[in-house]
PDB file of all heavy atoms in Angstrom:
ATOM      1  N   ASP A   1      -4.300  36.127   1.503  1.00  0.00           N
ATOM      2  CA  ASP A   1      -5.603  35.977   0.963  1.00  0.00           C
ATOM      3  C   ASP A   1      -6.300  37.242   1.150  1.00  0.00           C
ATOM      4  O   ASP A   1      -7.116  37.640   0.263  1.00  0.00           O
ATOM      5  CB  ASP A   1      -6.335  34.831   1.745  1.00  0.00           C
ATOM      6  CG  ASP A   1      -5.956  33.451   1.155  1.00  0.00           C
ATOM      7  OD1 ASP A   1      -4.982  33.337   0.360  1.00  0.00           O
ATOM      8  OD2 ASP A   1      -6.563  32.509   1.626  1.00  0.00           O
ATOM      9  N   ILE A   2      -6.074  37.901   2.331  1.00  0.00           N
ATOM     10  CA  ILE A   2      -6.797  39.251   2.510  1.00  0.00           C
ATOM     11  C   ILE A   2      -5.704  40.203   3.045  1.00  0.00           C
ATOM     12  O   ILE A   2      -4.597  39.766   3.462  1.00  0.00           O
ATOM     13  CB  ILE A   2      -7.983  39.138   3.535  1.00  0.00           C
ATOM     14  CG1 ILE A   2      -7.434  38.574   4.913  1.00  0.00           C
ATOM     15  CG2 ILE A   2      -9.009  38.239   2.984  1.00  0.00           C
ATOM     16  CD1 ILE A   2      -8.479  38.614   6.038  1.00  0.00           C
ATOM     17  N   GLU A   3      -6.043  41.480   3.161  1.00  0.00           N
ATOM     18  CA  GLU A   3      -5.025  42.358   3.690  1.00  0.00           C
ATOM     19  C   GLU A   3      -5.621  43.089   4.984  1.00  0.00           C
ATOM     20  O   GLU A   3      -6.792  43.144   5.217  1.00  0.00           O
ATOM     21  CB  GLU A   3      -4.866  43.594   2.769  1.00  0.00           C
ATOM     22  CG  GLU A   3      -4.094  43.142   1.416  1.00  0.00           C
ATOM     23  CD  GLU A   3      -3.821  44.361   0.533  1.00  0.00           C
ATOM     24  OE1 GLU A   3      -4.299  45.520   0.813  1.00  0.00           O
ATOM     25  OE2 GLU A   3      -3.205  44.187  -0.562  1.00  0.00           O
ATOM     26  N   GLY A   4      -4.664  43.431   5.838  1.00  0.00           N
ATOM     27  CA  GLY A   4      -5.064  44.142   7.048  1.00  0.00           C
ATOM     28  C   GLY A   4      -5.497  45.625   6.803  1.00  0.00           C
ATOM     29  O   GLY A   4      -5.054  46.083   5.692  1.00  0.00           O
ATOM     30  N   ASP A   5      -6.062  46.208   7.753  1.00  0.00           N
ATOM     31  CA  ASP A   5      -6.441  47.676   7.608  1.00  0.00           C
ATOM     32  C   ASP A   5      -5.213  48.521   7.591  1.00  0.00           C
ATOM     33  O   ASP A   5      -5.078  49.545   6.894  1.00  0.00           O
ATOM     34  CB  ASP A   5      -7.354  48.135   8.679  1.00  0.00           C
ATOM     35  CG  ASP A   5      -8.657  47.367   8.617  1.00  0.00           C
ATOM     36  OD1 ASP A   5      -9.032  46.906   7.531  1.00  0.00           O
ATOM     37  OD2 ASP A   5      -9.361  47.275   9.585  1.00  0.00           O
ATOM     38  N   SER A   6      -4.253  48.234   8.414  1.00  0.00           N
ATOM     39  CA  SER A   6      -2.915  49.004   8.579  1.00  0.00           C
ATOM     40  C   SER A   6      -1.865  48.044   9.076  1.00  0.00           C
ATOM     41  O   SER A   6      -2.156  46.962   9.508  1.00  0.00           O
ATOM     42  CB  SER A   6      -3.103  50.205   9.494  1.00  0.00           C
ATOM     43  OG  SER A   6      -3.478  49.722  10.887  1.00  0.00           O
ATOM     44  N   GLY A   7      -0.585  48.517   9.035  1.00  0.00           N
ATOM     45  CA  GLY A   7       0.572  47.782   9.393  1.00  0.00           C
ATOM     46  C   GLY A   7       1.198  47.217   8.254  1.00  0.00           C
ATOM     47  O   GLY A   7       0.790  47.356   7.082  1.00  0.00           O
ATOM     48  N   SER A   8       2.330  46.405   8.446  1.00  0.00           N
ATOM     49  CA  SER A   8       3.024  45.869   7.328  1.00  0.00           C
ATOM     50  C   SER A   8       3.441  44.401   7.598  1.00  0.00           C
ATOM     51  O   SER A   8       3.576  44.014   8.723  1.00  0.00           O
ATOM     52  CB  SER A   8       4.301  46.748   7.028  1.00  0.00           C
ATOM     53  OG  SER A   8       5.077  46.736   8.239  1.00  0.00           O
ATOM     54  N   ILE A   9       3.668  43.732   6.467  1.00  0.00           N
ATOM     55  CA  ILE A   9       4.114  42.278   6.630  1.00  0.00           C
ATOM     56  C   ILE A   9       5.370  42.228   5.588  1.00  0.00           C
ATOM     57  O   ILE A   9       5.232  42.488   4.467  1.00  0.00           O
ATOM     58  CB  ILE A   9       3.176  41.214   6.192  1.00  0.00           C
ATOM     59  CG1 ILE A   9       1.932  41.333   7.135  1.00  0.00           C
ATOM     60  CG2 ILE A   9       3.777  39.834   6.263  1.00  0.00           C
ATOM     61  CD1 ILE A   9       0.899  40.336   6.664  1.00  0.00           C
ATOM     62  N   ALA A  10       6.535  42.036   6.284  1.00  0.00           N
ATOM     63  CA  ALA A  10       7.817  41.829   5.417  1.00  0.00           C
ATOM     64  C   ALA A  10       8.189  40.379   5.363  1.00  0.00           C
ATOM     65  O   ALA A  10       8.251  39.743   6.373  1.00  0.00           O
ATOM     66  CB  ALA A  10       8.891  42.738   6.098  1.00  0.00           C
ATOM     67  N   THR A  11       8.526  39.826   4.228  1.00  0.00           N
ATOM     68  CA  THR A  11       8.933  38.519   4.033  1.00  0.00           C
ATOM     69  C   THR A  11      10.228  38.408   3.308  1.00  0.00           C
ATOM     70  O   THR A  11      10.599  39.262   2.522  1.00  0.00           O
ATOM     71  CB  THR A  11       7.831  37.706   3.377  1.00  0.00           C
ATOM     72  OG1 THR A  11       7.685  38.172   1.966  1.00  0.00           O
ATOM     73  CG2 THR A  11       6.500  37.735   4.059  1.00  0.00           C
ATOM     74  N   GLU A  12      10.890  37.217   3.542  1.00  0.00           N
ATOM     75  CA  GLU A  12      12.079  37.020   2.734  1.00  0.00           C
ATOM     76  C   GLU A  12      11.608  36.772   1.217  1.00  0.00           C
ATOM     77  O   GLU A  12      10.468  36.461   0.914  1.00  0.00           O
ATOM     78  CB  GLU A  12      12.701  35.697   3.133  1.00  0.00           C
ATOM     79  CG  GLU A  12      13.383  35.750   4.446  1.00  0.00           C
ATOM     80  CD  GLU A  12      14.039  34.488   4.918  1.00  0.00           C
ATOM     81  OE1 GLU A  12      13.942  33.549   4.232  1.00  0.00           O
ATOM     82  OE2 GLU A  12      14.593  34.449   5.984  1.00  0.00           O
ATOM     83  N   LYS A  13      12.570  37.116   0.383  1.00  0.00           N
ATOM     84  CA  LYS A  13      12.268  37.046  -1.031  1.00  0.00           C
ATOM     85  C   LYS A  13      11.985  35.561  -1.387  1.00  0.00           C
ATOM     86  O   LYS A  13      12.587  34.710  -0.929  1.00  0.00           O
ATOM     87  CB  LYS A  13      13.477  37.462  -1.814  1.00  0.00           C
ATOM     88  CG  LYS A  13      13.220  37.961  -3.227  1.00  0.00           C
ATOM     89  CD  LYS A  13      14.400  38.685  -3.772  1.00  0.00           C
ATOM     90  CE  LYS A  13      14.046  39.345  -5.174  1.00  0.00           C
ATOM     91  NZ  LYS A  13      15.223  40.011  -5.827  1.00  0.00           N
ATOM     92  N   ALA A  14      11.004  35.295  -2.194  1.00  0.00           N
ATOM     93  CA  ALA A  14      10.620  33.971  -2.710  1.00  0.00           C
ATOM     94  C   ALA A  14      10.193  33.072  -1.623  1.00  0.00           C
ATOM     95  O   ALA A  14      10.349  31.794  -1.710  1.00  0.00           O
ATOM     96  CB  ALA A  14      11.806  33.360  -3.470  1.00  0.00           C
ATOM     97  N   LEU A  15       9.620  33.619  -0.428  1.00  0.00           N
ATOM     98  CA  LEU A  15       9.086  32.812   0.609  1.00  0.00           C
ATOM     99  C   LEU A  15       7.886  31.998   0.129  1.00  0.00           C
ATOM    100  O   LEU A  15       6.944  32.635  -0.476  1.00  0.00           O
ATOM    101  CB  LEU A  15       8.732  33.649   1.723  1.00  0.00           C
ATOM    102  CG  LEU A  15       8.207  32.938   3.002  1.00  0.00           C
ATOM    103  CD1 LEU A  15       9.257  32.242   3.711  1.00  0.00           C
ATOM    104  CD2 LEU A  15       7.357  33.854   3.933  1.00  0.00           C
ATOM    105  N   LYS A  16       7.898  30.687   0.190  1.00  0.00           N
ATOM    106  CA  LYS A  16       6.844  29.831  -0.177  1.00  0.00           C
ATOM    107  C   LYS A  16       5.920  29.463   0.969  1.00  0.00           C
ATOM    108  O   LYS A  16       6.442  28.973   1.997  1.00  0.00           O
ATOM    109  CB  LYS A  16       7.407  28.506  -0.909  1.00  0.00           C
ATOM    110  CG  LYS A  16       8.053  28.813  -2.217  1.00  0.00           C
ATOM    111  CD  LYS A  16       8.569  27.467  -2.789  1.00  0.00           C
ATOM    112  CE  LYS A  16       7.492  26.658  -3.309  1.00  0.00           C
ATOM    113  NZ  LYS A  16       8.025  25.409  -3.919  1.00  0.00           N
ATOM    114  N   ILE A  17       4.597  29.831   0.801  1.00  0.00           N
ATOM    115  CA  ILE A  17       3.619  29.681   1.974  1.00  0.00           C
ATOM    116  C   ILE A  17       2.620  28.608   1.502  1.00  0.00           C
ATOM    117  O   ILE A  17       2.071  28.653   0.436  1.00  0.00           O
ATOM    118  CB  ILE A  17       3.003  30.990   2.241  1.00  0.00           C
ATOM    119  CG1 ILE A  17       4.056  32.015   2.843  1.00  0.00           C
ATOM    120  CG2 ILE A  17       1.973  30.768   3.424  1.00  0.00           C
ATOM    121  CD1 ILE A  17       3.457  33.344   2.919  1.00  0.00           C
ATOM    122  N   GLY A  18       2.394  27.580   2.362  1.00  0.00           N
ATOM    123  CA  GLY A  18       1.320  26.635   2.182  1.00  0.00           C
ATOM    124  C   GLY A  18       0.242  26.799   3.260  1.00  0.00           C
ATOM    125  O   GLY A  18       0.592  26.986   4.411  1.00  0.00           O
ATOM    126  N   PHE A  19      -0.980  26.879   2.833  1.00  0.00           N
ATOM    127  CA  PHE A  19      -2.057  27.068   3.673  1.00  0.00           C
ATOM    128  C   PHE A  19      -3.165  26.026   3.652  1.00  0.00           C
ATOM    129  O   PHE A  19      -3.743  25.719   2.727  1.00  0.00           O
ATOM    130  CB  PHE A  19      -2.763  28.456   3.234  1.00  0.00           C
ATOM    131  CG  PHE A  19      -3.743  29.038   4.210  1.00  0.00           C
ATOM    132  CD1 PHE A  19      -4.041  28.442   5.437  1.00  0.00           C
ATOM    133  CD2 PHE A  19      -4.615  30.076   3.778  1.00  0.00           C
ATOM    134  CE1 PHE A  19      -4.985  28.937   6.180  1.00  0.00           C
ATOM    135  CE2 PHE A  19      -5.638  30.553   4.664  1.00  0.00           C
ATOM    136  CZ  PHE A  19      -5.833  29.983   5.855  1.00  0.00           C
ATOM    137  N   LEU A  20      -3.241  25.316   4.801  1.00  0.00           N
ATOM    138  CA  LEU A  20      -4.375  24.225   4.944  1.00  0.00           C
ATOM    139  C   LEU A  20      -5.463  24.929   5.573  1.00  0.00           C
ATOM    140  O   LEU A  20      -5.425  25.262   6.790  1.00  0.00           O
ATOM    141  CB  LEU A  20      -3.823  23.181   5.865  1.00  0.00           C
ATOM    142  CG  LEU A  20      -4.751  22.034   6.067  1.00  0.00           C
ATOM    143  CD1 LEU A  20      -4.908  21.152   4.830  1.00  0.00           C
ATOM    144  CD2 LEU A  20      -4.259  21.086   7.132  1.00  0.00           C
ATOM    145  N   ARG A  21      -6.589  25.120   4.806  1.00  0.00           N
ATOM    146  CA  ARG A  21      -7.760  25.823   5.324  1.00  0.00           C
ATOM    147  C   ARG A  21      -8.729  24.868   6.074  1.00  0.00           C
ATOM    148  O   ARG A  21      -8.572  23.685   5.952  1.00  0.00           O
ATOM    149  CB  ARG A  21      -8.454  26.463   4.118  1.00  0.00           C
ATOM    150  CG  ARG A  21      -7.695  27.580   3.581  1.00  0.00           C
ATOM    151  CD  ARG A  21      -8.318  28.030   2.151  1.00  0.00           C
ATOM    152  NE  ARG A  21      -7.687  29.189   1.696  1.00  0.00           N
ATOM    153  CZ  ARG A  21      -6.514  29.122   1.015  1.00  0.00           C
ATOM    154  NH1 ARG A  21      -5.856  28.104   0.822  1.00  0.00           N
ATOM    155  NH2 ARG A  21      -5.963  30.263   0.538  1.00  0.00           N
ATOM    156  N   GLN A  22      -9.632  25.468   6.855  1.00  0.00           N
ATOM    157  CA  GLN A  22     -10.544  24.690   7.614  1.00  0.00           C
ATOM    158  C   GLN A  22     -11.431  23.808   6.570  1.00  0.00           C
ATOM    159  O   GLN A  22     -11.687  22.641   6.873  1.00  0.00           O
ATOM    160  CB  GLN A  22     -11.487  25.582   8.382  1.00  0.00           C
ATOM    161  CG  GLN A  22     -10.928  26.000   9.742  1.00  0.00           C
ATOM    162  CD  GLN A  22     -11.924  26.828  10.554  1.00  0.00           C
ATOM    163  OE1 GLN A  22     -13.123  26.861  10.141  1.00  0.00           O
ATOM    164  NE2 GLN A  22     -11.541  27.494  11.532  1.00  0.00           N
ATOM    165  N   ASP A  23     -11.920  24.504   5.582  1.00  0.00           N
ATOM    166  CA  ASP A  23     -12.777  23.859   4.702  1.00  0.00           C
ATOM    167  C   ASP A  23     -12.145  23.462   3.381  1.00  0.00           C
ATOM    168  O   ASP A  23     -11.888  24.486   2.610  1.00  0.00           O
ATOM    169  CB  ASP A  23     -14.095  24.669   4.462  1.00  0.00           C
ATOM    170  CG  ASP A  23     -14.804  25.098   5.705  1.00  0.00           C
ATOM    171  OD1 ASP A  23     -15.087  24.180   6.563  1.00  0.00           O
ATOM    172  OD2 ASP A  23     -15.090  26.214   5.938  1.00  0.00           O
ATOM    173  N   ILE A  24     -11.898  22.227   3.153  1.00  0.00           N
ATOM    174  CA  ILE A  24     -11.231  21.830   1.906  1.00  0.00           C
ATOM    175  C   ILE A  24     -12.210  21.761   0.748  1.00  0.00           C
ATOM    176  O   ILE A  24     -13.253  21.087   0.907  1.00  0.00           O
ATOM    177  CB  ILE A  24     -10.468  20.526   2.079  1.00  0.00           C
ATOM    178  CG1 ILE A  24      -9.520  20.562   3.214  1.00  0.00           C
ATOM    179  CG2 ILE A  24      -9.835  20.005   0.826  1.00  0.00           C
ATOM    180  CD1 ILE A  24      -8.950  19.293   3.653  1.00  0.00           C
ATOM    181  N   ASP A  25     -11.886  22.366  -0.379  1.00  0.00           N
ATOM    182  CA  ASP A  25     -12.859  22.381  -1.421  1.00  0.00           C
ATOM    183  C   ASP A  25     -12.267  21.732  -2.703  1.00  0.00           C
ATOM    184  O   ASP A  25     -11.466  22.387  -3.414  1.00  0.00           O
ATOM    185  CB  ASP A  25     -13.284  23.846  -1.743  1.00  0.00           C
ATOM    186  CG  ASP A  25     -14.461  23.932  -2.849  1.00  0.00           C
ATOM    187  OD1 ASP A  25     -15.118  22.858  -2.971  1.00  0.00           O
ATOM    188  OD2 ASP A  25     -14.505  24.994  -3.417  1.00  0.00           O
ATOM    189  N   PHE A  26     -12.540  20.463  -2.982  1.00  0.00           N
ATOM    190  CA  PHE A  26     -11.914  19.774  -4.059  1.00  0.00           C
ATOM    191  C   PHE A  26     -12.886  19.786  -5.141  1.00  0.00           C
ATOM    192  O   PHE A  26     -14.107  19.814  -5.042  1.00  0.00           O
ATOM    193  CB  PHE A  26     -11.725  18.314  -3.705  1.00  0.00           C
ATOM    194  CG  PHE A  26     -10.436  18.089  -2.746  1.00  0.00           C
ATOM    195  CD1 PHE A  26     -10.310  16.773  -2.145  1.00  0.00           C
ATOM    196  CD2 PHE A  26      -9.552  18.937  -2.568  1.00  0.00           C
ATOM    197  CE1 PHE A  26      -9.215  16.604  -1.270  1.00  0.00           C
ATOM    198  CE2 PHE A  26      -8.422  18.770  -1.753  1.00  0.00           C
ATOM    199  CZ  PHE A  26      -8.356  17.587  -1.160  1.00  0.00           C
ATOM    200  N   GLU A  27     -12.287  19.762  -6.433  1.00  0.00           N
ATOM    201  CA  GLU A  27     -13.112  19.802  -7.619  1.00  0.00           C
ATOM    202  C   GLU A  27     -13.690  18.381  -7.882  1.00  0.00           C
ATOM    203  O   GLU A  27     -12.960  17.409  -7.765  1.00  0.00           O
ATOM    204  CB  GLU A  27     -12.290  20.173  -8.858  1.00  0.00           C
ATOM    205  CG  GLU A  27     -13.110  20.390 -10.097  1.00  0.00           C
ATOM    206  CD  GLU A  27     -12.165  20.879 -11.261  1.00  0.00           C
ATOM    207  OE1 GLU A  27     -11.579  21.978 -11.053  1.00  0.00           O
ATOM    208  OE2 GLU A  27     -12.118  20.277 -12.297  1.00  0.00           O
ATOM    209  N   GLN A  28     -15.042  18.307  -8.076  1.00  0.00           N
ATOM    210  CA  GLN A  28     -15.663  17.032  -8.275  1.00  0.00           C
ATOM    211  C   GLN A  28     -14.999  16.273  -9.483  1.00  0.00           C
ATOM    212  O   GLN A  28     -14.730  16.898 -10.427  1.00  0.00           O
ATOM    213  CB  GLN A  28     -17.231  17.128  -8.503  1.00  0.00           C
ATOM    214  CG  GLN A  28     -17.904  17.716  -7.231  1.00  0.00           C
ATOM    215  CD  GLN A  28     -18.215  16.582  -6.262  1.00  0.00           C
ATOM    216  OE1 GLN A  28     -18.489  15.460  -6.710  1.00  0.00           O
ATOM    217  NE2 GLN A  28     -18.229  16.878  -5.004  1.00  0.00           N
ATOM    218  N   GLY A  29     -14.902  14.949  -9.352  1.00  0.00           N
ATOM    219  CA  GLY A  29     -14.447  14.163 -10.426  1.00  0.00           C
ATOM    220  C   GLY A  29     -12.925  13.898 -10.538  1.00  0.00           C
ATOM    221  O   GLY A  29     -12.459  13.045 -11.266  1.00  0.00           O
ATOM    222  N   ARG A  30     -12.143  14.646  -9.729  1.00  0.00           N
ATOM    223  CA  ARG A  30     -10.757  14.458  -9.792  1.00  0.00           C
ATOM    224  C   ARG A  30     -10.275  13.233  -8.952  1.00  0.00           C
ATOM    225  O   ARG A  30     -10.905  12.931  -7.970  1.00  0.00           O
ATOM    226  CB  ARG A  30      -9.938  15.622  -9.119  1.00  0.00           C
ATOM    227  CG  ARG A  30      -9.708  16.791 -10.155  1.00  0.00           C
ATOM    228  CD  ARG A  30      -8.877  17.860  -9.402  1.00  0.00           C
ATOM    229  NE  ARG A  30      -8.751  19.101 -10.170  1.00  0.00           N
ATOM    230  CZ  ARG A  30      -8.474  20.238  -9.655  1.00  0.00           C
ATOM    231  NH1 ARG A  30      -8.323  20.460  -8.376  1.00  0.00           N
ATOM    232  NH2 ARG A  30      -8.412  21.320 -10.462  1.00  0.00           N
ATOM    233  N   THR A  31      -9.358  12.544  -9.465  1.00  0.00           N
ATOM    234  CA  THR A  31      -8.870  11.254  -8.722  1.00  0.00           C
ATOM    235  C   THR A  31      -7.846  11.864  -7.598  1.00  0.00           C
ATOM    236  O   THR A  31      -7.433  13.080  -7.631  1.00  0.00           O
ATOM    237  CB  THR A  31      -8.098  10.362  -9.668  1.00  0.00           C
ATOM    238  OG1 THR A  31      -6.942  11.010 -10.131  1.00  0.00           O
ATOM    239  CG2 THR A  31      -8.983   9.905 -10.848  1.00  0.00           C
ATOM    240  N   VAL A  32      -7.441  10.876  -6.777  1.00  0.00           N
ATOM    241  CA  VAL A  32      -6.549  11.300  -5.737  1.00  0.00           C
ATOM    242  C   VAL A  32      -5.279  11.765  -6.269  1.00  0.00           C
ATOM    243  O   VAL A  32      -4.647  12.747  -5.892  1.00  0.00           O
ATOM    244  CB  VAL A  32      -6.276  10.051  -4.744  1.00  0.00           C
ATOM    245  CG1 VAL A  32      -5.103  10.298  -3.803  1.00  0.00           C
ATOM    246  CG2 VAL A  32      -7.522   9.632  -4.040  1.00  0.00           C
ATOM    247  N   LEU A  33      -4.716  11.092  -7.387  1.00  0.00           N
ATOM    248  CA  LEU A  33      -3.491  11.537  -8.032  1.00  0.00           C
ATOM    249  C   LEU A  33      -3.704  12.914  -8.645  1.00  0.00           C
ATOM    250  O   LEU A  33      -2.800  13.716  -8.532  1.00  0.00           O
ATOM    251  CB  LEU A  33      -3.061  10.481  -9.156  1.00  0.00           C
ATOM    252  CG  LEU A  33      -2.195   9.382  -8.652  1.00  0.00           C
ATOM    253  CD1 LEU A  33      -1.877   8.458  -9.879  1.00  0.00           C
ATOM    254  CD2 LEU A  33      -0.889   9.756  -8.027  1.00  0.00           C
ATOM    255  N   ASP A  34      -4.818  13.044  -9.350  1.00  0.00           N
ATOM    256  CA  ASP A  34      -5.043  14.336  -9.933  1.00  0.00           C
ATOM    257  C   ASP A  34      -5.037  15.523  -9.041  1.00  0.00           C
ATOM    258  O   ASP A  34      -4.466  16.573  -9.307  1.00  0.00           O
ATOM    259  CB  ASP A  34      -6.396  14.304 -10.751  1.00  0.00           C
ATOM    260  CG  ASP A  34      -6.359  13.477 -11.981  1.00  0.00           C
ATOM    261  OD1 ASP A  34      -5.194  13.212 -12.504  1.00  0.00           O
ATOM    262  OD2 ASP A  34      -7.508  13.027 -12.426  1.00  0.00           O
ATOM    263  N   GLU A  35      -5.613  15.242  -7.913  1.00  0.00           N
ATOM    264  CA  GLU A  35      -5.695  16.351  -6.824  1.00  0.00           C
ATOM    265  C   GLU A  35      -4.311  16.615  -6.282  1.00  0.00           C
ATOM    266  O   GLU A  35      -3.977  17.773  -6.041  1.00  0.00           O
ATOM    267  CB  GLU A  35      -6.693  15.929  -5.739  1.00  0.00           C
ATOM    268  CG  GLU A  35      -7.032  17.037  -4.760  1.00  0.00           C
ATOM    269  CD  GLU A  35      -7.629  18.231  -5.393  1.00  0.00           C
ATOM    270  OE1 GLU A  35      -8.575  18.041  -6.138  1.00  0.00           O
ATOM    271  OE2 GLU A  35      -7.143  19.306  -5.062  1.00  0.00           O
ATOM    272  N   ALA A  36      -3.675  15.485  -5.975  1.00  0.00           N
ATOM    273  CA  ALA A  36      -2.129  15.610  -5.462  1.00  0.00           C
ATOM    274  C   ALA A  36      -1.337  16.441  -6.517  1.00  0.00           C
ATOM    275  O   ALA A  36      -0.461  17.280  -6.050  1.00  0.00           O
ATOM    276  CB  ALA A  36      -1.559  14.287  -5.135  1.00  0.00           C
ATOM    277  N   TYR A  37      -1.533  16.076  -7.760  1.00  0.00           N
ATOM    278  CA  TYR A  37      -0.718  16.808  -8.767  1.00  0.00           C
ATOM    279  C   TYR A  37      -0.966  18.355  -8.886  1.00  0.00           C
ATOM    280  O   TYR A  37      -0.179  19.036  -9.411  1.00  0.00           O
ATOM    281  CB  TYR A  37      -1.025  16.241 -10.154  1.00  0.00           C
ATOM    282  CG  TYR A  37      -0.463  14.863 -10.436  1.00  0.00           C
ATOM    283  CD1 TYR A  37      -1.067  14.032 -11.415  1.00  0.00           C
ATOM    284  CD2 TYR A  37       0.551  14.286  -9.646  1.00  0.00           C
ATOM    285  CE1 TYR A  37      -0.590  12.740 -11.650  1.00  0.00           C
ATOM    286  CE2 TYR A  37       1.111  13.041  -9.881  1.00  0.00           C
ATOM    287  CZ  TYR A  37       0.489  12.268 -10.787  1.00  0.00           C
ATOM    288  OH  TYR A  37       0.971  10.954 -11.018  1.00  0.00           O
ATOM    289  N   GLN A  38      -2.034  18.839  -8.127  1.00  0.00           N
ATOM    290  CA  GLN A  38      -2.272  20.272  -8.143  1.00  0.00           C
ATOM    291  C   GLN A  38      -1.152  20.975  -7.417  1.00  0.00           C
ATOM    292  O   GLN A  38      -1.041  22.178  -7.543  1.00  0.00           O
ATOM    293  CB  GLN A  38      -3.691  20.567  -7.541  1.00  0.00           C
ATOM    294  CG  GLN A  38      -4.857  19.955  -8.168  1.00  0.00           C
ATOM    295  CD  GLN A  38      -4.954  20.364  -9.653  1.00  0.00           C
ATOM    296  OE1 GLN A  38      -4.945  21.513  -9.951  1.00  0.00           O
ATOM    297  NE2 GLN A  38      -5.054  19.390 -10.523  1.00  0.00           N
ATOM    298  N   ALA A  39      -0.385  20.242  -6.618  1.00  0.00           N
ATOM    299  CA  ALA A  39       0.822  20.756  -6.013  1.00  0.00           C
ATOM    300  C   ALA A  39       1.882  21.330  -6.961  1.00  0.00           C
ATOM    301  O   ALA A  39       2.690  22.111  -6.639  1.00  0.00           O
ATOM    302  CB  ALA A  39       1.389  19.812  -5.043  1.00  0.00           C
ATOM    303  N   PHE A  40       1.806  20.786  -8.189  1.00  0.00           N
ATOM    304  CA  PHE A  40       2.802  21.039  -9.189  1.00  0.00           C
ATOM    305  C   PHE A  40       2.280  21.956 -10.316  1.00  0.00           C
ATOM    306  O   PHE A  40       2.320  21.504 -11.487  1.00  0.00           O
ATOM    307  CB  PHE A  40       3.382  19.723  -9.744  1.00  0.00           C
ATOM    308  CG  PHE A  40       3.925  18.789  -8.743  1.00  0.00           C
ATOM    309  CD1 PHE A  40       3.167  17.671  -8.357  1.00  0.00           C
ATOM    310  CD2 PHE A  40       5.066  19.055  -8.073  1.00  0.00           C
ATOM    311  CE1 PHE A  40       3.573  16.851  -7.320  1.00  0.00           C
ATOM    312  CE2 PHE A  40       5.553  18.145  -7.083  1.00  0.00           C
ATOM    313  CZ  PHE A  40       4.792  17.044  -6.836  1.00  0.00           C
ATOM    314  N   GLU A  41       1.823  23.119  -9.922  1.00  0.00           N
ATOM    315  CA  GLU A  41       1.179  23.967 -10.913  1.00  0.00           C
ATOM    316  C   GLU A  41       2.049  24.263 -12.131  1.00  0.00           C
ATOM    317  O   GLU A  41       1.698  24.213 -13.241  1.00  0.00           O
ATOM    318  CB  GLU A  41       0.602  25.256 -10.200  1.00  0.00           C
ATOM    319  CG  GLU A  41      -0.135  26.126 -11.041  1.00  0.00           C
ATOM    320  CD  GLU A  41      -0.679  27.367 -10.244  1.00  0.00           C
ATOM    321  OE1 GLU A  41      -0.555  27.439  -9.046  1.00  0.00           O
ATOM    322  OE2 GLU A  41      -1.166  28.313 -10.957  1.00  0.00           O
ATOM    323  N   GLU A  42       3.319  24.748 -11.827  1.00  0.00           N
ATOM    324  CA  GLU A  42       4.260  25.130 -12.899  1.00  0.00           C
ATOM    325  C   GLU A  42       4.696  23.944 -13.646  1.00  0.00           C
ATOM    326  O   GLU A  42       4.744  23.921 -14.902  1.00  0.00           O
ATOM    327  CB  GLU A  42       5.457  25.784 -12.215  1.00  0.00           C
ATOM    328  CG  GLU A  42       6.434  26.388 -13.347  1.00  0.00           C
ATOM    329  CD  GLU A  42       7.663  26.958 -12.719  1.00  0.00           C
ATOM    330  OE1 GLU A  42       7.932  26.842 -11.551  1.00  0.00           O
ATOM    331  OE2 GLU A  42       8.503  27.473 -13.516  1.00  0.00           O
ATOM    332  N   ILE A  43       4.913  22.775 -13.025  1.00  0.00           N
ATOM    333  CA  ILE A  43       5.378  21.610 -13.723  1.00  0.00           C
ATOM    334  C   ILE A  43       4.232  21.106 -14.652  1.00  0.00           C
ATOM    335  O   ILE A  43       4.513  20.763 -15.812  1.00  0.00           O
ATOM    336  CB  ILE A  43       5.644  20.475 -12.661  1.00  0.00           C
ATOM    337  CG1 ILE A  43       6.996  20.731 -11.990  1.00  0.00           C
ATOM    338  CG2 ILE A  43       5.736  19.120 -13.448  1.00  0.00           C
ATOM    339  CD1 ILE A  43       7.362  19.789 -10.938  1.00  0.00           C
ATOM    340  N   LYS A  44       3.013  21.062 -14.177  1.00  0.00           N
ATOM    341  CA  LYS A  44       1.864  20.643 -15.047  1.00  0.00           C
ATOM    342  C   LYS A  44       1.655  21.614 -16.186  1.00  0.00           C
ATOM    343  O   LYS A  44       1.336  21.087 -17.417  1.00  0.00           O
ATOM    344  CB  LYS A  44       0.571  20.606 -14.207  1.00  0.00           C
ATOM    345  CG  LYS A  44       0.541  19.499 -13.091  1.00  0.00           C
ATOM    346  CD  LYS A  44       0.754  18.173 -13.648  1.00  0.00           C
ATOM    347  CE  LYS A  44      -0.534  17.617 -14.352  1.00  0.00           C
ATOM    348  NZ  LYS A  44      -0.394  16.307 -14.938  1.00  0.00           N
ATOM    349  N   LYS A  45       1.840  22.891 -15.968  1.00  0.00           N
ATOM    350  CA  LYS A  45       1.730  23.935 -17.103  1.00  0.00           C
ATOM    351  C   LYS A  45       2.732  23.599 -18.130  1.00  0.00           C
ATOM    352  O   LYS A  45       2.376  23.592 -19.357  1.00  0.00           O
ATOM    353  CB  LYS A  45       1.837  25.297 -16.445  1.00  0.00           C
ATOM    354  CG  LYS A  45       1.544  26.427 -17.443  1.00  0.00           C
ATOM    355  CD  LYS A  45       1.686  27.723 -16.692  1.00  0.00           C
ATOM    356  CE  LYS A  45       1.428  28.886 -17.716  1.00  0.00           C
ATOM    357  NZ  LYS A  45       1.681  30.210 -17.114  1.00  0.00           N
ATOM    358  N   VAL A  46       3.949  23.424 -17.717  1.00  0.00           N
ATOM    359  CA  VAL A  46       5.083  23.198 -18.715  1.00  0.00           C
ATOM    360  C   VAL A  46       4.809  21.834 -19.432  1.00  0.00           C
ATOM    361  O   VAL A  46       4.977  21.696 -20.634  1.00  0.00           O
ATOM    362  CB  VAL A  46       6.450  23.188 -18.058  1.00  0.00           C
ATOM    363  CG1 VAL A  46       7.557  22.704 -18.968  1.00  0.00           C
ATOM    364  CG2 VAL A  46       6.693  24.545 -17.447  1.00  0.00           C
TER     365      VAL A  46
END
């Protein structure tokens, strides 16, 4: 989400990272299913 001032971060190729933040910001009006489906960004796009 942000970068450090110096140093490096090396990761494995195609490493998938999930981030549960302190403050969850849901879009008003979405149902529980609609919000859960946000996990499938590529699938929903296709």
